[in-house]
Amino acid sequence: MDRQTLGAVRAGMETREKTFLLRFTLEAQIPEALFEEEDFEEDAWLDEWEVDIKPGLIRAVFAQLRATPAWSARVRNRGVSPLDEIEIVVTRR
C-alpha cells in the first residue's frame, strides 16, 4: 500500500483513517488586583472549565454521534492526561 492509504487490511476489509482536530485554547483575563487578594485562587477558572464546561461538551459530542446510527464512537487513551487531551475515535460501520 502507498503512504496515502492509512490503516490496515483485515479479513478482506480495508480501514482508512483521517484526523479531524477541534482545539480549544483556554484563556482567562485576570485583573492584577485579584492577585493581591488573600483568598484568590489562580486556577479557579481552570476548575470551572474542567467541572462545569468540558463534561457537557463531551456529552454533547457523544449525543450527536449516537444520533447517527451508522457511526459509533469511543474514547481512545494514548497516555496523554485527560486534562490535556481527549481523543474520540469515530467509526463508520
PDB file of N, CA and C in Angstrom:
ATOM      1  N   MET A   1       0.833  -1.190   0.000  1.00  0.00           N
ATOM      2  CA  MET A   1       0.000   0.000   0.000  1.00  0.00           C
ATOM      3  C   MET A   1       0.870   1.243   0.000  1.00  0.00           C
ATOM      4  N   ASP A   2       0.392   2.286  -0.636  1.00  0.00           N
ATOM      5  CA  ASP A   2       1.173   3.512  -0.647  1.00  0.00           C
ATOM      6  C   ASP A   2       0.926   4.310   0.635  1.00  0.00           C
ATOM      7  N   ARG A   3       1.660   5.400   0.823  1.00  0.00           N
ATOM      8  CA  ARG A   3       1.587   6.192   2.050  1.00  0.00           C
ATOM      9  C   ARG A   3       0.258   6.908   2.207  1.00  0.00           C
ATOM     10  N   GLN A   4      -0.474   7.103   1.131  1.00  0.00           N
ATOM     11  CA  GLN A   4      -1.762   7.785   1.228  1.00  0.00           C
ATOM     12  C   GLN A   4      -2.845   6.877   1.789  1.00  0.00           C
ATOM     13  N   THR A   5      -2.636   5.594   1.717  1.00  0.00           N
ATOM     14  CA  THR A   5      -3.608   4.647   2.260  1.00  0.00           C
ATOM     15  C   THR A   5      -3.248   4.389   3.705  1.00  0.00           C
ATOM     16  N   LEU A   6      -4.087   4.891   4.610  1.00  0.00           N
ATOM     17  CA  LEU A   6      -3.835   4.719   6.029  1.00  0.00           C
ATOM     18  C   LEU A   6      -4.674   3.568   6.542  1.00  0.00           C
ATOM     19  N   GLY A   7      -4.136   2.865   7.509  1.00  0.00           N
ATOM     20  CA  GLY A   7      -4.908   1.779   8.096  1.00  0.00           C
ATOM     21  C   GLY A   7      -4.328   0.427   7.750  1.00  0.00           C
ATOM     22  N   ALA A   8      -5.090  -0.592   8.031  1.00  0.00           N
ATOM     23  CA  ALA A   8      -4.631  -1.961   7.814  1.00  0.00           C
ATOM     24  C   ALA A   8      -5.700  -2.743   7.079  1.00  0.00           C
ATOM     25  N   VAL A   9      -5.264  -3.775   6.377  1.00  0.00           N
ATOM     26  CA  VAL A   9      -6.199  -4.654   5.684  1.00  0.00           C
ATOM     27  C   VAL A   9      -6.466  -5.837   6.608  1.00  0.00           C
ATOM     28  N   ARG A  10      -7.763  -6.057   6.936  1.00  0.00           N
ATOM     29  CA  ARG A  10      -8.145  -7.157   7.819  1.00  0.00           C
ATOM     30  C   ARG A  10      -9.302  -7.914   7.199  1.00  0.00           C
ATOM     31  N   ALA A  11      -9.173  -9.210   7.094  1.00  0.00           N
ATOM     32  CA  ALA A  11     -10.255 -10.093   6.644  1.00  0.00           C
ATOM     33  C   ALA A  11     -11.017  -9.510   5.464  1.00  0.00           C
ATOM     34  N   GLY A  12     -10.282  -9.077   4.460  1.00  0.00           N
ATOM     35  CA  GLY A  12     -10.921  -8.554   3.260  1.00  0.00           C
ATOM     36  C   GLY A  12     -11.505  -7.163   3.421  1.00  0.00           C
ATOM     37  N   MET A  13     -11.148  -6.462   4.485  1.00  0.00           N
ATOM     38  CA  MET A  13     -11.679  -5.129   4.719  1.00  0.00           C
ATOM     39  C   MET A  13     -10.525  -4.162   4.938  1.00  0.00           C
ATOM     40  N   GLU A  14     -10.607  -3.029   4.339  1.00  0.00           N
ATOM     41  CA  GLU A  14      -9.571  -2.017   4.496  1.00  0.00           C
ATOM     42  C   GLU A  14     -10.070  -0.941   5.449  1.00  0.00           C
ATOM     43  N   THR A  15      -9.206  -0.546   6.373  1.00  0.00           N
ATOM     44  CA  THR A  15      -9.541   0.518   7.315  1.00  0.00           C
ATOM     45  C   THR A  15      -8.772   1.767   6.923  1.00  0.00           C
ATOM     46  N   ARG A  16      -9.480   2.852   6.783  1.00  0.00           N
ATOM     47  CA  ARG A  16      -8.836   4.125   6.475  1.00  0.00           C
ATOM     48  C   ARG A  16      -9.075   5.084   7.625  1.00  0.00           C
ATOM     49  N   GLU A  17      -8.147   5.994   7.819  1.00  0.00           N
ATOM     50  CA  GLU A  17      -8.253   6.960   8.908  1.00  0.00           C
ATOM     51  C   GLU A  17      -8.047   8.371   8.400  1.00  0.00           C
ATOM     52  N   LYS A  18      -8.689   9.289   9.074  1.00  0.00           N
ATOM     53  CA  LYS A  18      -8.482  10.715   8.854  1.00  0.00           C
ATOM     54  C   LYS A  18      -8.583  11.372  10.220  1.00  0.00           C
ATOM     55  N   THR A  19      -7.728  12.308  10.491  1.00  0.00           N
ATOM     56  CA  THR A  19      -7.766  13.019  11.758  1.00  0.00           C
ATOM     57  C   THR A  19      -8.454  14.360  11.558  1.00  0.00           C
ATOM     58  N   PHE A  20      -9.383  14.656  12.454  1.00  0.00           N
ATOM     59  CA  PHE A  20     -10.051  15.952  12.499  1.00  0.00           C
ATOM     60  C   PHE A  20      -9.787  16.518  13.884  1.00  0.00           C
ATOM     61  N   LEU A  21      -9.289  17.722  13.955  1.00  0.00           N
ATOM     62  CA  LEU A  21      -8.908  18.307  15.234  1.00  0.00           C
ATOM     63  C   LEU A  21      -9.793  19.509  15.538  1.00  0.00           C
ATOM     64  N   LEU A  22     -10.434  19.469  16.677  1.00  0.00           N
ATOM     65  CA  LEU A  22     -11.200  20.597  17.202  1.00  0.00           C
ATOM     66  C   LEU A  22     -10.476  21.012  18.474  1.00  0.00           C
ATOM     67  N   ARG A  23      -9.746  22.109  18.417  1.00  0.00           N
ATOM     68  CA  ARG A  23      -8.873  22.502  19.529  1.00  0.00           C
ATOM     69  C   ARG A  23      -9.481  23.680  20.286  1.00  0.00           C
ATOM     70  N   PHE A  24      -9.461  23.575  21.595  1.00  0.00           N
ATOM     71  CA  PHE A  24      -9.890  24.668  22.452  1.00  0.00           C
ATOM     72  C   PHE A  24      -8.651  25.242  23.120  1.00  0.00           C
ATOM     73  N   THR A  25      -8.453  26.535  23.009  1.00  0.00           N
ATOM     74  CA  THR A  25      -7.390  27.215  23.730  1.00  0.00           C
ATOM     75  C   THR A  25      -8.058  28.031  24.824  1.00  0.00           C
ATOM     76  N   LEU A  26      -7.718  27.727  26.053  1.00  0.00           N
ATOM     77  CA  LEU A  26      -8.358  28.382  27.191  1.00  0.00           C
ATOM     78  C   LEU A  26      -7.542  29.585  27.629  1.00  0.00           C
ATOM     79  N   GLU A  27      -8.212  30.689  27.838  1.00  0.00           N
ATOM     80  CA  GLU A  27      -7.569  31.908  28.318  1.00  0.00           C
ATOM     81  C   GLU A  27      -8.435  32.519  29.407  1.00  0.00           C
ATOM     82  N   ALA A  28      -7.805  33.204  30.337  1.00  0.00           N
ATOM     83  CA  ALA A  28      -8.540  33.952  31.362  1.00  0.00           C
ATOM     84  C   ALA A  28      -7.876  35.312  31.510  1.00  0.00           C
ATOM     85  N   GLN A  29      -8.678  36.336  31.525  1.00  0.00           N
ATOM     86  CA  GLN A  29      -8.170  37.685  31.765  1.00  0.00           C
ATOM     87  C   GLN A  29      -8.423  37.996  33.231  1.00  0.00           C
ATOM     88  N   ILE A  30      -7.348  38.075  33.990  1.00  0.00           N
ATOM     89  CA  ILE A  30      -7.441  38.241  35.441  1.00  0.00           C
ATOM     90  C   ILE A  30      -6.859  39.599  35.815  1.00  0.00           C
ATOM     91  N   PRO A  31      -7.675  40.455  36.403  1.00  0.00           N
ATOM     92  CA  PRO A  31      -7.160  41.761  36.840  1.00  0.00           C
ATOM     93  C   PRO A  31      -6.044  41.579  37.872  1.00  0.00           C
ATOM     94  N   GLU A  32      -5.003  42.370  37.743  1.00  0.00           N
ATOM     95  CA  GLU A  32      -3.858  42.250  38.649  1.00  0.00           C
ATOM     96  C   GLU A  32      -4.252  42.422  40.107  1.00  0.00           C
ATOM     97  N   ALA A  33      -5.270  43.211  40.373  1.00  0.00           N
ATOM     98  CA  ALA A  33      -5.699  43.444  41.755  1.00  0.00           C
ATOM     99  C   ALA A  33      -6.130  42.147  42.437  1.00  0.00           C
ATOM    100  N   LEU A  34      -6.647  41.204  41.679  1.00  0.00           N
ATOM    101  CA  LEU A  34      -7.074  39.930  42.273  1.00  0.00           C
ATOM    102  C   LEU A  34      -5.912  39.136  42.851  1.00  0.00           C
ATOM    103  N   PHE A  35      -4.748  39.263  42.250  1.00  0.00           N
ATOM    104  CA  PHE A  35      -3.590  38.516  42.736  1.00  0.00           C
ATOM    105  C   PHE A  35      -3.187  38.962  44.139  1.00  0.00           C
ATOM    106  N   GLU A  36      -3.585  40.161  44.511  1.00  0.00           N
ATOM    107  CA  GLU A  36      -3.244  40.689  45.833  1.00  0.00           C
ATOM    108  C   GLU A  36      -4.205  40.202  46.914  1.00  0.00           C
ATOM    109  N   GLU A  37      -5.360  39.683  46.516  1.00  0.00           N
ATOM    110  CA  GLU A  37      -6.337  39.207  47.491  1.00  0.00           C
ATOM    111  C   GLU A  37      -5.902  37.861  48.064  1.00  0.00           C
ATOM    112  N   GLU A  38      -6.041  37.731  49.359  1.00  0.00           N
ATOM    113  CA  GLU A  38      -5.563  36.539  50.058  1.00  0.00           C
ATOM    114  C   GLU A  38      -6.309  35.269  49.652  1.00  0.00           C
ATOM    115  N   ASP A  39      -7.597  35.377  49.388  1.00  0.00           N
ATOM    116  CA  ASP A  39      -8.395  34.190  49.071  1.00  0.00           C
ATOM    117  C   ASP A  39      -8.519  33.924  47.566  1.00  0.00           C
ATOM    118  N   PHE A  40      -7.737  34.618  46.762  1.00  0.00           N
ATOM    119  CA  PHE A  40      -7.797  34.437  45.309  1.00  0.00           C
ATOM    120  C   PHE A  40      -7.175  33.099  44.920  1.00  0.00           C
ATOM    121  N   GLU A  41      -7.908  32.322  44.135  1.00  0.00           N
ATOM    122  CA  GLU A  41      -7.407  31.040  43.634  1.00  0.00           C
ATOM    123  C   GLU A  41      -7.078  31.191  42.155  1.00  0.00           C
ATOM    124  N   GLU A  42      -5.807  31.123  41.829  1.00  0.00           N
ATOM    125  CA  GLU A  42      -5.355  31.358  40.455  1.00  0.00           C
ATOM    126  C   GLU A  42      -5.951  30.390  39.442  1.00  0.00           C
ATOM    127  N   ASP A  43      -6.189  29.166  39.846  1.00  0.00           N
ATOM    128  CA  ASP A  43      -6.662  28.151  38.900  1.00  0.00           C
ATOM    129  C   ASP A  43      -8.167  27.916  38.945  1.00  0.00           C
ATOM    130  N   ALA A  44      -8.919  28.769  39.597  1.00  0.00           N
ATOM    131  CA  ALA A  44     -10.372  28.587  39.690  1.00  0.00           C
ATOM    132  C   ALA A  44     -11.013  28.573  38.307  1.00  0.00           C
ATOM    133  N   TRP A  45     -10.501  29.348  37.397  1.00  0.00           N
ATOM    134  CA  TRP A  45     -11.077  29.387  36.047  1.00  0.00           C
ATOM    135  C   TRP A  45     -10.859  28.058  35.326  1.00  0.00           C
ATOM    136  N   LEU A  46      -9.725  27.406  35.591  1.00  0.00           N
ATOM    137  CA  LEU A  46      -9.483  26.086  35.001  1.00  0.00           C
ATOM    138  C   LEU A  46     -10.393  25.033  35.624  1.00  0.00           C
ATOM    139  N   ASP A  47     -10.621  25.149  36.923  1.00  0.00           N
ATOM    140  CA  ASP A  47     -11.553  24.233  37.587  1.00  0.00           C
ATOM    141  C   ASP A  47     -12.949  24.380  36.997  1.00  0.00           C
ATOM    142  N   GLU A  48     -13.350  25.611  36.708  1.00  0.00           N
ATOM    143  CA  GLU A  48     -14.661  25.853  36.100  1.00  0.00           C
ATOM    144  C   GLU A  48     -14.754  25.151  34.748  1.00  0.00           C
ATOM    145  N   TRP A  49     -13.688  25.222  33.968  1.00  0.00           N
ATOM    146  CA  TRP A  49     -13.647  24.540  32.669  1.00  0.00           C
ATOM    147  C   TRP A  49     -13.787  23.030  32.850  1.00  0.00           C
ATOM    148  N   GLU A  50     -12.957  22.463  33.742  1.00  0.00           N
ATOM    149  CA  GLU A  50     -12.919  21.009  33.928  1.00  0.00           C
ATOM    150  C   GLU A  50     -14.214  20.451  34.510  1.00  0.00           C
ATOM    151  N   VAL A  51     -14.850  21.184  35.408  1.00  0.00           N
ATOM    152  CA  VAL A  51     -16.025  20.674  36.117  1.00  0.00           C
ATOM    153  C   VAL A  51     -17.336  21.072  35.444  1.00  0.00           C
ATOM    154  N   ASP A  52     -17.427  22.316  34.988  1.00  0.00           N
ATOM    155  CA  ASP A  52     -18.708  22.839  34.501  1.00  0.00           C
ATOM    156  C   ASP A  52     -18.879  22.817  32.986  1.00  0.00           C
ATOM    157  N   ILE A  53     -17.797  22.971  32.252  1.00  0.00           N
ATOM    158  CA  ILE A  53     -17.922  23.158  30.800  1.00  0.00           C
ATOM    159  C   ILE A  53     -17.528  21.912  30.013  1.00  0.00           C
ATOM    160  N   LYS A  54     -16.326  21.401  30.234  1.00  0.00           N
ATOM    161  CA  LYS A  54     -15.815  20.287  29.427  1.00  0.00           C
ATOM    162  C   LYS A  54     -16.698  19.042  29.465  1.00  0.00           C
ATOM    163  N   PRO A  55     -17.182  18.605  30.623  1.00  0.00           N
ATOM    164  CA  PRO A  55     -18.037  17.402  30.618  1.00  0.00           C
ATOM    165  C   PRO A  55     -19.287  17.564  29.753  1.00  0.00           C
ATOM    166  N   GLY A  56     -19.885  18.749  29.770  1.00  0.00           N
ATOM    167  CA  GLY A  56     -21.066  18.994  28.942  1.00  0.00           C
ATOM    168  C   GLY A  56     -20.749  18.964  27.465  1.00  0.00           C
ATOM    169  N   LEU A  57     -19.595  19.494  27.087  1.00  0.00           N
ATOM    170  CA  LEU A  57     -19.179  19.446  25.681  1.00  0.00           C
ATOM    171  C   LEU A  57     -18.987  18.005  25.220  1.00  0.00           C
ATOM    172  N   ILE A  58     -18.349  17.206  26.045  1.00  0.00           N
ATOM    173  CA  ILE A  58     -18.110  15.810  25.678  1.00  0.00           C
ATOM    174  C   ILE A  58     -19.431  15.052  25.566  1.00  0.00           C
ATOM    175  N   ARG A  59     -20.339  15.289  26.520  1.00  0.00           N
ATOM    176  CA  ARG A  59     -21.663  14.654  26.436  1.00  0.00           C
ATOM    177  C   ARG A  59     -22.385  15.068  25.156  1.00  0.00           C
ATOM    178  N   ALA A  60     -22.298  16.346  24.801  1.00  0.00           N
ATOM    179  CA  ALA A  60     -22.966  16.832  23.583  1.00  0.00           C
ATOM    180  C   ALA A  60     -22.378  16.191  22.333  1.00  0.00           C
ATOM    181  N   VAL A  61     -21.063  16.034  22.297  1.00  0.00           N
ATOM    182  CA  VAL A  61     -20.418  15.387  21.148  1.00  0.00           C
ATOM    183  C   VAL A  61     -20.914  13.954  21.015  1.00  0.00           C
ATOM    184  N   PHE A  62     -20.911  13.204  22.114  1.00  0.00           N
ATOM    185  CA  PHE A  62     -21.367  11.813  22.049  1.00  0.00           C
ATOM    186  C   PHE A  62     -22.854  11.713  21.732  1.00  0.00           C
ATOM    187  N   ALA A  63     -23.658  12.636  22.226  1.00  0.00           N
ATOM    188  CA  ALA A  63     -25.093  12.625  21.908  1.00  0.00           C
ATOM    189  C   ALA A  63     -25.301  12.809  20.409  1.00  0.00           C
ATOM    190  N   GLN A  64     -24.556  13.717  19.812  1.00  0.00           N
ATOM    191  CA  GLN A  64     -24.674  13.940  18.368  1.00  0.00           C
ATOM    192  C   GLN A  64     -24.213  12.711  17.590  1.00  0.00           C
ATOM    193  N   LEU A  65     -23.131  12.110  18.012  1.00  0.00           N
ATOM    194  CA  LEU A  65     -22.625  10.925  17.316  1.00  0.00           C
ATOM    195  C   LEU A  65     -23.584   9.744  17.458  1.00  0.00           C
ATOM    196  N   ARG A  66     -24.203   9.585  18.619  1.00  0.00           N
ATOM    197  CA  ARG A  66     -25.172   8.499  18.819  1.00  0.00           C
ATOM    198  C   ARG A  66     -26.425   8.701  17.971  1.00  0.00           C
ATOM    199  N   ALA A  67     -26.703   9.934  17.586  1.00  0.00           N
ATOM    200  CA  ALA A  67     -27.893  10.233  16.781  1.00  0.00           C
ATOM    201  C   ALA A  67     -27.746   9.748  15.344  1.00  0.00           C
ATOM    202  N   THR A  68     -26.556   9.331  14.973  1.00  0.00           N
ATOM    203  CA  THR A  68     -26.300   8.806  13.636  1.00  0.00           C
ATOM    204  C   THR A  68     -25.941   7.330  13.776  1.00  0.00           C
ATOM    205  N   PRO A  69     -26.921   6.429  13.604  1.00  0.00           N
ATOM    206  CA  PRO A  69     -26.713   5.003  13.888  1.00  0.00           C
ATOM    207  C   PRO A  69     -25.600   4.330  13.084  1.00  0.00           C
ATOM    208  N   ALA A  70     -25.278   4.843  11.929  1.00  0.00           N
ATOM    209  CA  ALA A  70     -24.247   4.202  11.107  1.00  0.00           C
ATOM    210  C   ALA A  70     -22.837   4.443  11.651  1.00  0.00           C
ATOM    211  N   TRP A  71     -22.728   5.296  12.653  1.00  0.00           N
ATOM    212  CA  TRP A  71     -21.427   5.627  13.220  1.00  0.00           C
ATOM    213  C   TRP A  71     -21.394   5.231  14.693  1.00  0.00           C
ATOM    214  N   SER A  72     -20.219   4.818  15.155  1.00  0.00           N
ATOM    215  CA  SER A  72     -20.026   4.551  16.584  1.00  0.00           C
ATOM    216  C   SER A  72     -18.858   5.405  17.068  1.00  0.00           C
ATOM    217  N   ALA A  73     -18.805   5.632  18.361  1.00  0.00           N
ATOM    218  CA  ALA A  73     -17.746   6.478  18.918  1.00  0.00           C
ATOM    219  C   ALA A  73     -17.274   5.903  20.243  1.00  0.00           C
ATOM    220  N   ARG A  74     -15.992   6.087  20.505  1.00  0.00           N
ATOM    221  CA  ARG A  74     -15.407   5.655  21.773  1.00  0.00           C
ATOM    222  C   ARG A  74     -14.209   6.540  22.078  1.00  0.00           C
ATOM    223  N   VAL A  75     -13.874   6.615  23.338  1.00  0.00           N
ATOM    224  CA  VAL A  75     -12.699   7.370  23.759  1.00  0.00           C
ATOM    225  C   VAL A  75     -11.482   6.472  23.615  1.00  0.00           C
ATOM    226  N   ARG A  76     -10.395   7.033  23.079  1.00  0.00           N
ATOM    227  CA  ARG A  76      -9.126   6.296  22.979  1.00  0.00           C
ATOM    228  C   ARG A  76      -8.115   7.013  23.864  1.00  0.00           C
ATOM    229  N   ASN A  77      -7.451   6.260  24.705  1.00  0.00           N
ATOM    230  CA  ASN A  77      -6.443   6.825  25.591  1.00  0.00           C
ATOM    231  C   ASN A  77      -5.071   6.501  25.027  1.00  0.00           C
ATOM    232  N   ARG A  78      -4.332   7.517  24.700  1.00  0.00           N
ATOM    233  CA  ARG A  78      -2.971   7.328  24.172  1.00  0.00           C
ATOM    234  C   ARG A  78      -1.917   7.716  25.201  1.00  0.00           C
ATOM    235  N   GLY A  79      -2.304   7.702  26.470  1.00  0.00           N
ATOM    236  CA  GLY A  79      -1.350   8.004  27.526  1.00  0.00           C
ATOM    237  C   GLY A  79      -1.230   9.478  27.853  1.00  0.00           C
ATOM    238  N   VAL A  80      -2.011  10.322  27.198  1.00  0.00           N
ATOM    239  CA  VAL A  80      -1.997  11.752  27.485  1.00  0.00           C
ATOM    240  C   VAL A  80      -3.058  12.021  28.546  1.00  0.00           C
ATOM    241  N   SER A  81      -2.756  12.890  29.478  1.00  0.00           N
ATOM    242  CA  SER A  81      -3.702  13.215  30.540  1.00  0.00           C
ATOM    243  C   SER A  81      -5.010  13.740  29.954  1.00  0.00           C
ATOM    244  N   PRO A  82      -6.159  13.295  30.485  1.00  0.00           N
ATOM    245  CA  PRO A  82      -7.444  13.813  30.007  1.00  0.00           C
ATOM    246  C   PRO A  82      -7.643  15.294  30.341  1.00  0.00           C
ATOM    247  N   LEU A  83      -6.765  15.849  31.160  1.00  0.00           N
ATOM    248  CA  LEU A  83      -6.798  17.295  31.385  1.00  0.00           C
ATOM    249  C   LEU A  83      -6.300  18.037  30.151  1.00  0.00           C
ATOM    250  N   ASP A  84      -5.492  17.355  29.339  1.00  0.00           N
ATOM    251  CA  ASP A  84      -4.891  17.984  28.163  1.00  0.00           C
ATOM    252  C   ASP A  84      -5.491  17.532  26.842  1.00  0.00           C
ATOM    253  N   GLU A  85      -6.002  16.306  26.793  1.00  0.00           N
ATOM    254  CA  GLU A  85      -6.484  15.777  25.513  1.00  0.00           C
ATOM    255  C   GLU A  85      -7.496  14.663  25.739  1.00  0.00           C
ATOM    256  N   ILE A  86      -8.537  14.696  24.943  1.00  0.00           N
ATOM    257  CA  ILE A  86      -9.487  13.586  24.892  1.00  0.00           C
ATOM    258  C   ILE A  86      -9.641  13.231  23.426  1.00  0.00           C
ATOM    259  N   GLU A  87      -9.245  12.022  23.088  1.00  0.00           N
ATOM    260  CA  GLU A  87      -9.363  11.574  21.703  1.00  0.00           C
ATOM    261  C   GLU A  87     -10.603  10.703  21.574  1.00  0.00           C
ATOM    262  N   ILE A  88     -11.422  11.023  20.589  1.00  0.00           N
ATOM    263  CA  ILE A  88     -12.625  10.250  20.314  1.00  0.00           C
ATOM    264  C   ILE A  88     -12.450   9.588  18.955  1.00  0.00           C
ATOM    265  N   VAL A  89     -12.558   8.264  18.931  1.00  0.00           N
ATOM    266  CA  VAL A  89     -12.476   7.513  17.683  1.00  0.00           C
ATOM    267  C   VAL A  89     -13.904   7.329  17.179  1.00  0.00           C
ATOM    268  N   VAL A  90     -14.163   7.798  15.975  1.00  0.00           N
ATOM    269  CA  VAL A  90     -15.484   7.701  15.363  1.00  0.00           C
ATOM    270  C   VAL A  90     -15.358   6.735  14.193  1.00  0.00           C
ATOM    271  N   THR A  91     -16.176   5.679  14.202  1.00  0.00           N
ATOM    272  CA  THR A  91     -16.063   4.622  13.202  1.00  0.00           C
ATOM    273  C   THR A  91     -17.353   4.489  12.411  1.00  0.00           C
ATOM    274  N   ARG A  92     -17.208   4.463  11.098  1.00  0.00           N
ATOM    275  CA  ARG A  92     -18.347   4.202  10.204  1.00  0.00           C
ATOM    276  C   ARG A  92     -18.484   2.703  10.107  1.00  0.00           C
ATOM    277  N   ARG A  93     -19.626   2.166  10.489  1.00  0.00           N
ATOM    278  CA  ARG A  93     -19.831   0.708  10.492  1.00  0.00           C
ATOM    279  C   ARG A  93     -20.235   0.212   9.132  1.00  0.00           C
TER     280      ARG A  93
END
